Amino acid sequence: LHEVSKLIPNCELVTIDDAGHFVHDDNNPVYLAKVKT
C-alpha cells in the first residue's frame, strides 16, 4: 500500500492499526472519520 501511495501523484495513506482487512467493519468510527476528513 505504501508503494502504491508513492506511485499515485496525489495520494495519502492512512493505516488504522486495530483493524484487519475489513477496515470499515473492524473500526467503523475511525474509518468514517478518516474518510470524512
PDB file of all heavy atoms in Angstrom:
ATOM      1  N   LEU A   1       0.845  -1.201   0.000  1.00  0.00           N
ATOM      2  CA  LEU A   1       0.000   0.000   0.000  1.00  0.00           C
ATOM      3  C   LEU A   1       0.878   1.248   0.000  1.00  0.00           C
ATOM      4  O   LEU A   1       0.565   2.243  -0.663  1.00  0.00           O
ATOM      5  CB  LEU A   1      -0.938   0.009   1.216  1.00  0.00           C
ATOM      6  CG  LEU A   1      -1.903  -1.172   1.371  1.00  0.00           C
ATOM      7  CD1 LEU A   1      -2.830  -0.932   2.562  1.00  0.00           C
ATOM      8  CD2 LEU A   1      -2.712  -1.394   0.102  1.00  0.00           C
ATOM      9  N   HIS A   2       1.980   1.174   0.733  1.00  0.00           N
ATOM     10  CA  HIS A   2       2.922   2.293   0.769  1.00  0.00           C
ATOM     11  C   HIS A   2       3.511   2.527  -0.626  1.00  0.00           C
ATOM     12  O   HIS A   2       3.619   3.679  -1.079  1.00  0.00           O
ATOM     13  CB  HIS A   2       4.040   2.005   1.775  1.00  0.00           C
ATOM     14  CG  HIS A   2       5.039   3.108   1.909  1.00  0.00           C
ATOM     15  ND1 HIS A   2       4.766   4.300   2.559  1.00  0.00           N
ATOM     16  CD2 HIS A   2       6.311   3.230   1.428  1.00  0.00           C
ATOM     17  CE1 HIS A   2       5.821   5.087   2.498  1.00  0.00           C
ATOM     18  NE2 HIS A   2       6.771   4.462   1.814  1.00  0.00           N
ATOM     19  N   GLU A   3       3.863   1.456  -1.318  1.00  0.00           N
ATOM     20  CA  GLU A   3       4.399   1.584  -2.680  1.00  0.00           C
ATOM     21  C   GLU A   3       3.386   2.246  -3.606  1.00  0.00           C
ATOM     22  O   GLU A   3       3.738   3.127  -4.407  1.00  0.00           O
ATOM     23  CB  GLU A   3       4.773   0.206  -3.237  1.00  0.00           C
ATOM     24  CG  GLU A   3       6.027  -0.403  -2.634  1.00  0.00           C
ATOM     25  CD  GLU A   3       6.323  -1.777  -3.232  1.00  0.00           C
ATOM     26  OE1 GLU A   3       6.060  -1.981  -4.439  1.00  0.00           O
ATOM     27  OE2 GLU A   3       6.816  -2.647  -2.486  1.00  0.00           O
ATOM     28  N   VAL A   4       2.127   1.815  -3.505  1.00  0.00           N
ATOM     29  CA  VAL A   4       1.073   2.409  -4.341  1.00  0.00           C
ATOM     30  C   VAL A   4       0.941   3.901  -4.058  1.00  0.00           C
ATOM     31  O   VAL A   4       0.838   4.718  -4.981  1.00  0.00           O
ATOM     32  CB  VAL A   4      -0.283   1.702  -4.101  1.00  0.00           C
ATOM     33  CG1 VAL A   4      -1.401   2.409  -4.860  1.00  0.00           C
ATOM     34  CG2 VAL A   4      -0.214   0.246  -4.520  1.00  0.00           C
ATOM     35  N   SER A   5       0.977   4.243  -2.779  1.00  0.00           N
ATOM     36  CA  SER A   5       0.783   5.654  -2.400  1.00  0.00           C
ATOM     37  C   SER A   5       1.889   6.545  -2.941  1.00  0.00           C
ATOM     38  O   SER A   5       1.694   7.750  -3.129  1.00  0.00           O
ATOM     39  CB  SER A   5       0.683   5.792  -0.878  1.00  0.00           C
ATOM     40  OG  SER A   5       1.948   5.587  -0.259  1.00  0.00           O
ATOM     41  N   LYS A   6       3.067   5.977  -3.190  1.00  0.00           N
ATOM     42  CA  LYS A   6       4.181   6.745  -3.757  1.00  0.00           C
ATOM     43  C   LYS A   6       4.060   6.887  -5.272  1.00  0.00           C
ATOM     44  O   LYS A   6       4.637   7.802  -5.861  1.00  0.00           O
ATOM     45  CB  LYS A   6       5.524   6.081  -3.408  1.00  0.00           C
ATOM     46  CG  LYS A   6       5.836   6.089  -1.916  1.00  0.00           C
ATOM     47  CD  LYS A   6       5.878   7.502  -1.356  1.00  0.00           C
ATOM     48  CE  LYS A   6       6.192   7.533   0.118  1.00  0.00           C
ATOM     49  NZ  LYS A   6       6.023   8.892   0.696  1.00  0.00           N
ATOM     50  N   LEU A   7       3.338   5.965  -5.914  1.00  0.00           N
ATOM     51  CA  LEU A   7       3.202   5.985  -7.366  1.00  0.00           C
ATOM     52  C   LEU A   7       2.044   6.852  -7.854  1.00  0.00           C
ATOM     53  O   LEU A   7       2.080   7.377  -8.967  1.00  0.00           O
ATOM     54  CB  LEU A   7       3.033   4.551  -7.895  1.00  0.00           C
ATOM     55  CG  LEU A   7       4.266   3.648  -7.725  1.00  0.00           C
ATOM     56  CD1 LEU A   7       3.915   2.194  -8.011  1.00  0.00           C
ATOM     57  CD2 LEU A   7       5.392   4.111  -8.651  1.00  0.00           C
ATOM     58  N   ILE A   8       1.013   6.996  -7.034  1.00  0.00           N
ATOM     59  CA  ILE A   8      -0.108   7.874  -7.378  1.00  0.00           C
ATOM     60  C   ILE A   8       0.276   9.298  -6.966  1.00  0.00           C
ATOM     61  O   ILE A   8       0.613   9.534  -5.803  1.00  0.00           O
ATOM     62  CB  ILE A   8      -1.399   7.416  -6.676  1.00  0.00           C
ATOM     63  CG1 ILE A   8      -1.801   6.017  -7.158  1.00  0.00           C
ATOM     64  CG2 ILE A   8      -2.536   8.402  -6.928  1.00  0.00           C
ATOM     65  CD1 ILE A   8      -2.989   5.423  -6.430  1.00  0.00           C
ATOM     66  N   PRO A   9       0.244  10.247  -7.901  1.00  0.00           N
ATOM     67  CA  PRO A   9       0.796  11.582  -7.613  1.00  0.00           C
ATOM     68  C   PRO A   9       0.214  12.300  -6.395  1.00  0.00           C
ATOM     69  O   PRO A   9       0.943  12.926  -5.640  1.00  0.00           O
ATOM     70  CB  PRO A   9       0.482  12.355  -8.904  1.00  0.00           C
ATOM     71  CG  PRO A   9       0.386  11.305  -9.965  1.00  0.00           C
ATOM     72  CD  PRO A   9      -0.186  10.097  -9.294  1.00  0.00           C
ATOM     73  N   ASN A  10      -1.106  12.212  -6.200  1.00  0.00           N
ATOM     74  CA  ASN A  10      -1.754  12.980  -5.129  1.00  0.00           C
ATOM     75  C   ASN A  10      -2.459  12.010  -4.188  1.00  0.00           C
ATOM     76  O   ASN A  10      -3.674  11.872  -4.207  1.00  0.00           O
ATOM     77  CB  ASN A  10      -2.741  13.979  -5.737  1.00  0.00           C
ATOM     78  CG  ASN A  10      -3.367  14.891  -4.701  1.00  0.00           C
ATOM     79  OD1 ASN A  10      -3.023  14.846  -3.524  1.00  0.00           O
ATOM     80  ND2 ASN A  10      -4.304  15.715  -5.131  1.00  0.00           N
ATOM     81  N   CYS A  11      -1.650  11.302  -3.391  1.00  0.00           N
ATOM     82  CA  CYS A  11      -2.190  10.182  -2.616  1.00  0.00           C
ATOM     83  C   CYS A  11      -1.769  10.257  -1.154  1.00  0.00           C
ATOM     84  O   CYS A  11      -0.615  10.562  -0.842  1.00  0.00           O
ATOM     85  CB  CYS A  11      -1.716   8.866  -3.221  1.00  0.00           C
ATOM     86  SG  CYS A  11      -2.432   7.403  -2.437  1.00  0.00           S
ATOM     87  N   GLU A  12      -2.723   9.948  -0.292  1.00  0.00           N
ATOM     88  CA  GLU A  12      -2.477   9.878   1.149  1.00  0.00           C
ATOM     89  C   GLU A  12      -2.745   8.447   1.610  1.00  0.00           C
ATOM     90  O   GLU A  12      -3.737   7.830   1.215  1.00  0.00           O
ATOM     91  CB  GLU A  12      -3.428  10.847   1.873  1.00  0.00           C
ATOM     92  CG  GLU A  12      -3.348  10.811   3.385  1.00  0.00           C
ATOM     93  CD  GLU A  12      -4.445  11.653   4.049  1.00  0.00           C
ATOM     94  OE1 GLU A  12      -5.246  12.279   3.337  1.00  0.00           O
ATOM     95  OE2 GLU A  12      -4.480  11.643   5.293  1.00  0.00           O
ATOM     96  N   LEU A  13      -1.848   7.918   2.438  1.00  0.00           N
ATOM     97  CA  LEU A  13      -2.027   6.582   3.011  1.00  0.00           C
ATOM     98  C   LEU A  13      -2.273   6.706   4.501  1.00  0.00           C
ATOM     99  O   LEU A  13      -1.514   7.353   5.212  1.00  0.00           O
ATOM    100  CB  LEU A  13      -0.792   5.715   2.751  1.00  0.00           C
ATOM    101  CG  LEU A  13      -0.715   4.368   3.483  1.00  0.00           C
ATOM    102  CD1 LEU A  13      -1.856   3.447   3.067  1.00  0.00           C
ATOM    103  CD2 LEU A  13       0.630   3.693   3.254  1.00  0.00           C
ATOM    104  N   VAL A  14      -3.345   6.085   4.959  1.00  0.00           N
ATOM    105  CA  VAL A  14      -3.686   6.069   6.380  1.00  0.00           C
ATOM    106  C   VAL A  14      -3.786   4.612   6.821  1.00  0.00           C
ATOM    107  O   VAL A  14      -4.440   3.805   6.151  1.00  0.00           O
ATOM    108  CB  VAL A  14      -5.037   6.786   6.635  1.00  0.00           C
ATOM    109  CG1 VAL A  14      -5.507   6.537   8.060  1.00  0.00           C
ATOM    110  CG2 VAL A  14      -4.922   8.275   6.363  1.00  0.00           C
ATOM    111  N   THR A  15      -3.144   4.255   7.915  1.00  0.00           N
ATOM    112  CA  THR A  15      -3.247   2.904   8.459  1.00  0.00           C
ATOM    113  C   THR A  15      -4.020   2.953   9.774  1.00  0.00           C
ATOM    114  O   THR A  15      -3.682   3.739  10.661  1.00  0.00           O
ATOM    115  CB  THR A  15      -1.854   2.294   8.699  1.00  0.00           C
ATOM    116  OG1 THR A  15      -1.127   2.306   7.468  1.00  0.00           O
ATOM    117  CG2 THR A  15      -1.962   0.861   9.192  1.00  0.00           C
ATOM    118  N   ILE A  16      -5.057   2.137   9.871  1.00  0.00           N
ATOM    119  CA  ILE A  16      -5.831   2.034  11.113  1.00  0.00           C
ATOM    120  C   ILE A  16      -5.363   0.757  11.810  1.00  0.00           C
ATOM    121  O   ILE A  16      -5.670  -0.361  11.375  1.00  0.00           O
ATOM    122  CB  ILE A  16      -7.346   2.024  10.820  1.00  0.00           C
ATOM    123  CG1 ILE A  16      -7.733   3.345  10.119  1.00  0.00           C
ATOM    124  CG2 ILE A  16      -8.150   1.839  12.101  1.00  0.00           C
ATOM    125  CD1 ILE A  16      -9.187   3.439   9.717  1.00  0.00           C
ATOM    126  N   ASP A  17      -4.595   0.936  12.868  1.00  0.00           N
ATOM    127  CA  ASP A  17      -3.842  -0.174  13.464  1.00  0.00           C
ATOM    128  C   ASP A  17      -4.729  -1.299  13.987  1.00  0.00           C
ATOM    129  O   ASP A  17      -4.440  -2.468  13.769  1.00  0.00           O
ATOM    130  CB  ASP A  17      -2.935   0.345  14.588  1.00  0.00           C
ATOM    131  CG  ASP A  17      -1.790   1.193  14.035  1.00  0.00           C
ATOM    132  OD1 ASP A  17      -1.340   0.895  12.906  1.00  0.00           O
ATOM    133  OD2 ASP A  17      -1.367   2.137  14.713  1.00  0.00           O
ATOM    134  N   ASP A  18      -5.805  -0.963  14.682  1.00  0.00           N
ATOM    135  CA  ASP A  18      -6.620  -2.013  15.296  1.00  0.00           C
ATOM    136  C   ASP A  18      -7.744  -2.462  14.357  1.00  0.00           C
ATOM    137  O   ASP A  18      -8.900  -2.554  14.749  1.00  0.00           O
ATOM    138  CB  ASP A  18      -7.176  -1.548  16.646  1.00  0.00           C
ATOM    139  CG  ASP A  18      -7.918  -0.220  16.550  1.00  0.00           C
ATOM    140  OD1 ASP A  18      -7.794   0.460  15.513  1.00  0.00           O
ATOM    141  OD2 ASP A  18      -8.614   0.133  17.521  1.00  0.00           O
ATOM    142  N   ALA A  19      -7.378  -2.727  13.111  1.00  0.00           N
ATOM    143  CA  ALA A  19      -8.345  -3.210  12.126  1.00  0.00           C
ATOM    144  C   ALA A  19      -7.635  -4.180  11.194  1.00  0.00           C
ATOM    145  O   ALA A  19      -6.444  -4.052  10.916  1.00  0.00           O
ATOM    146  CB  ALA A  19      -8.939  -2.048  11.327  1.00  0.00           C
ATOM    147  N   GLY A  20      -8.402  -5.160  10.693  1.00  0.00           N
ATOM    148  CA  GLY A  20      -7.876  -6.098   9.719  1.00  0.00           C
ATOM    149  C   GLY A  20      -8.246  -5.678   8.311  1.00  0.00           C
ATOM    150  O   GLY A  20      -8.384  -4.488   8.017  1.00  0.00           O
ATOM    151  N   HIS A  21      -8.465  -6.664   7.442  1.00  0.00           N
ATOM    152  CA  HIS A  21      -8.733  -6.382   6.032  1.00  0.00           C
ATOM    153  C   HIS A  21     -10.063  -5.657   5.853  1.00  0.00           C
ATOM    154  O   HIS A  21     -10.198  -4.809   4.965  1.00  0.00           O
ATOM    155  CB  HIS A  21      -8.717  -7.697   5.247  1.00  0.00           C
ATOM    156  CG  HIS A  21      -8.902  -7.535   3.775  1.00  0.00           C
ATOM    157  ND1 HIS A  21      -8.150  -6.655   3.017  1.00  0.00           N
ATOM    158  CD2 HIS A  21      -9.756  -8.149   2.904  1.00  0.00           C
ATOM    159  CE1 HIS A  21      -8.527  -6.731   1.744  1.00  0.00           C
ATOM    160  NE2 HIS A  21      -9.499  -7.630   1.661  1.00  0.00           N
ATOM    161  N   PHE A  22     -11.052  -5.983   6.687  1.00  0.00           N
ATOM    162  CA  PHE A  22     -12.358  -5.316   6.599  1.00  0.00           C
ATOM    163  C   PHE A  22     -12.343  -4.108   7.538  1.00  0.00           C
ATOM    164  O   PHE A  22     -12.977  -4.103   8.586  1.00  0.00           O
ATOM    165  CB  PHE A  22     -13.489  -6.293   6.924  1.00  0.00           C
ATOM    166  CG  PHE A  22     -13.734  -7.279   5.821  1.00  0.00           C
ATOM    167  CD1 PHE A  22     -12.959  -8.424   5.696  1.00  0.00           C
ATOM    168  CD2 PHE A  22     -14.710  -7.050   4.868  1.00  0.00           C
ATOM    169  CE1 PHE A  22     -13.160  -9.327   4.663  1.00  0.00           C
ATOM    170  CE2 PHE A  22     -14.931  -7.938   3.825  1.00  0.00           C
ATOM    171  CZ  PHE A  22     -14.158  -9.084   3.721  1.00  0.00           C
ATOM    172  N   VAL A  23     -11.611  -3.098   7.110  1.00  0.00           N
ATOM    173  CA  VAL A  23     -11.360  -1.943   7.981  1.00  0.00           C
ATOM    174  C   VAL A  23     -12.665  -1.266   8.369  1.00  0.00           C
ATOM    175  O   VAL A  23     -12.866  -0.886   9.530  1.00  0.00           O
ATOM    176  CB  VAL A  23     -10.411  -0.929   7.289  1.00  0.00           C
ATOM    177  CG1 VAL A  23      -9.976   0.143   8.277  1.00  0.00           C
ATOM    178  CG2 VAL A  23      -9.194  -1.624   6.701  1.00  0.00           C
ATOM    179  N   HIS A  24     -13.573  -1.117   7.409  1.00  0.00           N
ATOM    180  CA  HIS A  24     -14.811  -0.365   7.693  1.00  0.00           C
ATOM    181  C   HIS A  24     -15.752  -1.126   8.623  1.00  0.00           C
ATOM    182  O   HIS A  24     -16.655  -0.527   9.200  1.00  0.00           O
ATOM    183  CB  HIS A  24     -15.520   0.055   6.395  1.00  0.00           C
ATOM    184  CG  HIS A  24     -16.114  -1.080   5.603  1.00  0.00           C
ATOM    185  ND1 HIS A  24     -15.387  -1.803   4.692  1.00  0.00           N
ATOM    186  CD2 HIS A  24     -17.368  -1.591   5.577  1.00  0.00           C
ATOM    187  CE1 HIS A  24     -16.174  -2.712   4.127  1.00  0.00           C
ATOM    188  NE2 HIS A  24     -17.383  -2.612   4.654  1.00  0.00           N
ATOM    189  N   ASP A  25     -15.525  -2.432   8.787  1.00  0.00           N
ATOM    190  CA  ASP A  25     -16.286  -3.197   9.775  1.00  0.00           C
ATOM    191  C   ASP A  25     -15.564  -3.222  11.123  1.00  0.00           C
ATOM    192  O   ASP A  25     -16.186  -3.090  12.180  1.00  0.00           O
ATOM    193  CB  ASP A  25     -16.485  -4.649   9.311  1.00  0.00           C
ATOM    194  CG  ASP A  25     -17.474  -4.759   8.169  1.00  0.00           C
ATOM    195  OD1 ASP A  25     -18.359  -3.894   8.064  1.00  0.00           O
ATOM    196  OD2 ASP A  25     -17.356  -5.713   7.371  1.00  0.00           O
ATOM    197  N   ASP A  26     -14.238  -3.389  11.080  1.00  0.00           N
ATOM    198  CA  ASP A  26     -13.457  -3.582  12.307  1.00  0.00           C
ATOM    199  C   ASP A  26     -13.365  -2.320  13.157  1.00  0.00           C
ATOM    200  O   ASP A  26     -13.327  -2.394  14.386  1.00  0.00           O
ATOM    201  CB  ASP A  26     -12.043  -4.062  11.964  1.00  0.00           C
ATOM    202  CG  ASP A  26     -12.042  -5.447  11.328  1.00  0.00           C
ATOM    203  OD1 ASP A  26     -13.052  -6.163  11.468  1.00  0.00           O
ATOM    204  OD2 ASP A  26     -11.030  -5.805  10.692  1.00  0.00           O
ATOM    205  N   ASN A  27     -13.281  -1.161  12.500  1.00  0.00           N
ATOM    206  CA  ASN A  27     -13.215   0.103  13.249  1.00  0.00           C
ATOM    207  C   ASN A  27     -13.948   1.178  12.465  1.00  0.00           C
ATOM    208  O   ASN A  27     -13.343   2.089  11.897  1.00  0.00           O
ATOM    209  CB  ASN A  27     -11.761   0.511  13.503  1.00  0.00           C
ATOM    210  CG  ASN A  27     -11.654   1.560  14.594  1.00  0.00           C
ATOM    211  OD1 ASN A  27     -12.569   2.352  14.805  1.00  0.00           O
ATOM    212  ND2 ASN A  27     -10.535   1.583  15.307  1.00  0.00           N
ATOM    213  N   ASN A  28     -15.271   1.046  12.445  1.00  0.00           N
ATOM    214  CA  ASN A  28     -16.115   1.934  11.649  1.00  0.00           C
ATOM    215  C   ASN A  28     -15.973   3.411  12.027  1.00  0.00           C
ATOM    216  O   ASN A  28     -15.868   4.262  11.134  1.00  0.00           O
ATOM    217  CB  ASN A  28     -17.574   1.476  11.751  1.00  0.00           C
ATOM    218  CG  ASN A  28     -18.483   2.228  10.795  1.00  0.00           C
ATOM    219  OD1 ASN A  28     -19.216   3.110  11.208  1.00  0.00           O
ATOM    220  ND2 ASN A  28     -18.427   1.870   9.524  1.00  0.00           N
ATOM    221  N   PRO A  29     -15.932   3.764  13.330  1.00  0.00           N
ATOM    222  CA  PRO A  29     -15.848   5.189  13.679  1.00  0.00           C
ATOM    223  C   PRO A  29     -14.572   5.857  13.159  1.00  0.00           C
ATOM    224  O   PRO A  29     -14.630   6.965  12.599  1.00  0.00           O
ATOM    225  CB  PRO A  29     -15.901   5.194  15.209  1.00  0.00           C
ATOM    226  CG  PRO A  29     -16.579   3.914  15.575  1.00  0.00           C
ATOM    227  CD  PRO A  29     -16.135   2.931  14.545  1.00  0.00           C
ATOM    228  N   VAL A  30     -13.430   5.212  13.339  1.00  0.00           N
ATOM    229  CA  VAL A  30     -12.169   5.807  12.875  1.00  0.00           C
ATOM    230  C   VAL A  30     -12.125   5.825  11.348  1.00  0.00           C
ATOM    231  O   VAL A  30     -11.696   6.807  10.732  1.00  0.00           O
ATOM    232  CB  VAL A  30     -10.947   5.048  13.456  1.00  0.00           C
ATOM    233  CG1 VAL A  30      -9.649   5.558  12.852  1.00  0.00           C
ATOM    234  CG2 VAL A  30     -10.924   5.188  14.973  1.00  0.00           C
ATOM    235  N   TYR A  31     -12.588   4.747  10.730  1.00  0.00           N
ATOM    236  CA  TYR A  31     -12.649   4.677   9.267  1.00  0.00           C
ATOM    237  C   TYR A  31     -13.453   5.856   8.714  1.00  0.00           C
ATOM    238  O   TYR A  31     -12.998   6.570   7.807  1.00  0.00           O
ATOM    239  CB  TYR A  31     -13.283   3.352   8.859  1.00  0.00           C
ATOM    240  CG  TYR A  31     -13.458   3.147   7.373  1.00  0.00           C
ATOM    241  CD1 TYR A  31     -12.457   2.548   6.613  1.00  0.00           C
ATOM    242  CD2 TYR A  31     -14.623   3.537   6.724  1.00  0.00           C
ATOM    243  CE1 TYR A  31     -12.617   2.338   5.245  1.00  0.00           C
ATOM    244  CE2 TYR A  31     -14.787   3.344   5.362  1.00  0.00           C
ATOM    245  CZ  TYR A  31     -13.782   2.740   4.631  1.00  0.00           C
ATOM    246  OH  TYR A  31     -13.949   2.548   3.281  1.00  0.00           O
ATOM    247  N   LEU A  32     -14.646   6.054   9.263  1.00  0.00           N
ATOM    248  CA  LEU A  32     -15.503   7.134   8.772  1.00  0.00           C
ATOM    249  C   LEU A  32     -14.897   8.499   9.038  1.00  0.00           C
ATOM    250  O   LEU A  32     -15.011   9.409   8.203  1.00  0.00           O
ATOM    251  CB  LEU A  32     -16.887   7.035   9.412  1.00  0.00           C
ATOM    252  CG  LEU A  32     -17.809   5.995   8.775  1.00  0.00           C
ATOM    253  CD1 LEU A  32     -19.049   5.765   9.645  1.00  0.00           C
ATOM    254  CD2 LEU A  32     -18.223   6.431   7.375  1.00  0.00           C
ATOM    255  N   ALA A  33     -14.227   8.650  10.154  1.00  0.00           N
ATOM    256  CA  ALA A  33     -13.565   9.928  10.463  1.00  0.00           C
ATOM    257  C   ALA A  33     -12.506  10.238   9.422  1.00  0.00           C
ATOM    258  O   ALA A  33     -12.388  11.379   8.949  1.00  0.00           O
ATOM    259  CB  ALA A  33     -12.958   9.887  11.865  1.00  0.00           C
ATOM    260  N   LYS A  34     -11.705   9.238   9.031  1.00  0.00           N
ATOM    261  CA  LYS A  34     -10.646   9.438   8.028  1.00  0.00           C
ATOM    262  C   LYS A  34     -11.252   9.782   6.673  1.00  0.00           C
ATOM    263  O   LYS A  34     -10.775  10.671   5.959  1.00  0.00           O
ATOM    264  CB  LYS A  34      -9.778   8.181   7.894  1.00  0.00           C
ATOM    265  CG  LYS A  34      -9.059   7.755   9.172  1.00  0.00           C
ATOM    266  CD  LYS A  34      -8.021   8.766   9.619  1.00  0.00           C
ATOM    267  CE  LYS A  34      -7.231   8.258  10.804  1.00  0.00           C
ATOM    268  NZ  LYS A  34      -6.310   9.283  11.366  1.00  0.00           N
ATOM    269  N   VAL A  35     -12.320   9.056   6.305  1.00  0.00           N
ATOM    270  CA  VAL A  35     -12.962   9.283   5.019  1.00  0.00           C
ATOM    271  C   VAL A  35     -13.597  10.680   4.968  1.00  0.00           C
ATOM    272  O   VAL A  35     -13.447  11.413   3.982  1.00  0.00           O
ATOM    273  CB  VAL A  35     -14.017   8.192   4.736  1.00  0.00           C
ATOM    274  CG1 VAL A  35     -14.896   8.561   3.540  1.00  0.00           C
ATOM    275  CG2 VAL A  35     -13.333   6.851   4.482  1.00  0.00           C
ATOM    276  N   LYS A  36     -14.278  11.056   6.045  1.00  0.00           N
ATOM    277  CA  LYS A  36     -14.946  12.368   6.059  1.00  0.00           C
ATOM    278  C   LYS A  36     -13.929  13.520   6.018  1.00  0.00           C
ATOM    279  O   LYS A  36     -14.162  14.534   5.366  1.00  0.00           O
ATOM    280  CB  LYS A  36     -15.843  12.473   7.298  1.00  0.00           C
ATOM    281  CG  LYS A  36     -17.077  11.577   7.216  1.00  0.00           C
ATOM    282  CD  LYS A  36     -17.889  11.594   8.493  1.00  0.00           C
ATOM    283  CE  LYS A  36     -18.681  12.888   8.624  1.00  0.00           C
ATOM    284  NZ  LYS A  36     -19.590  12.839   9.811  1.00  0.00           N
ATOM    285  N   THR A  37     -12.805  13.334   6.690  1.00  0.00           N
ATOM    286  CA  THR A  37     -11.750  14.353   6.623  1.00  0.00           C
ATOM    287  C   THR A  37     -11.245  14.501   5.185  1.00  0.00           C
ATOM    288  O   THR A  37     -11.095  15.622   4.674  1.00  0.00           O
ATOM    289  CB  THR A  37     -10.579  13.978   7.559  1.00  0.00           C
ATOM    290  OG1 THR A  37     -11.061  13.947   8.893  1.00  0.00           O
ATOM    291  CG2 THR A  37      -9.446  14.998   7.454  1.00  0.00           C
TER     292      THR A  37
END
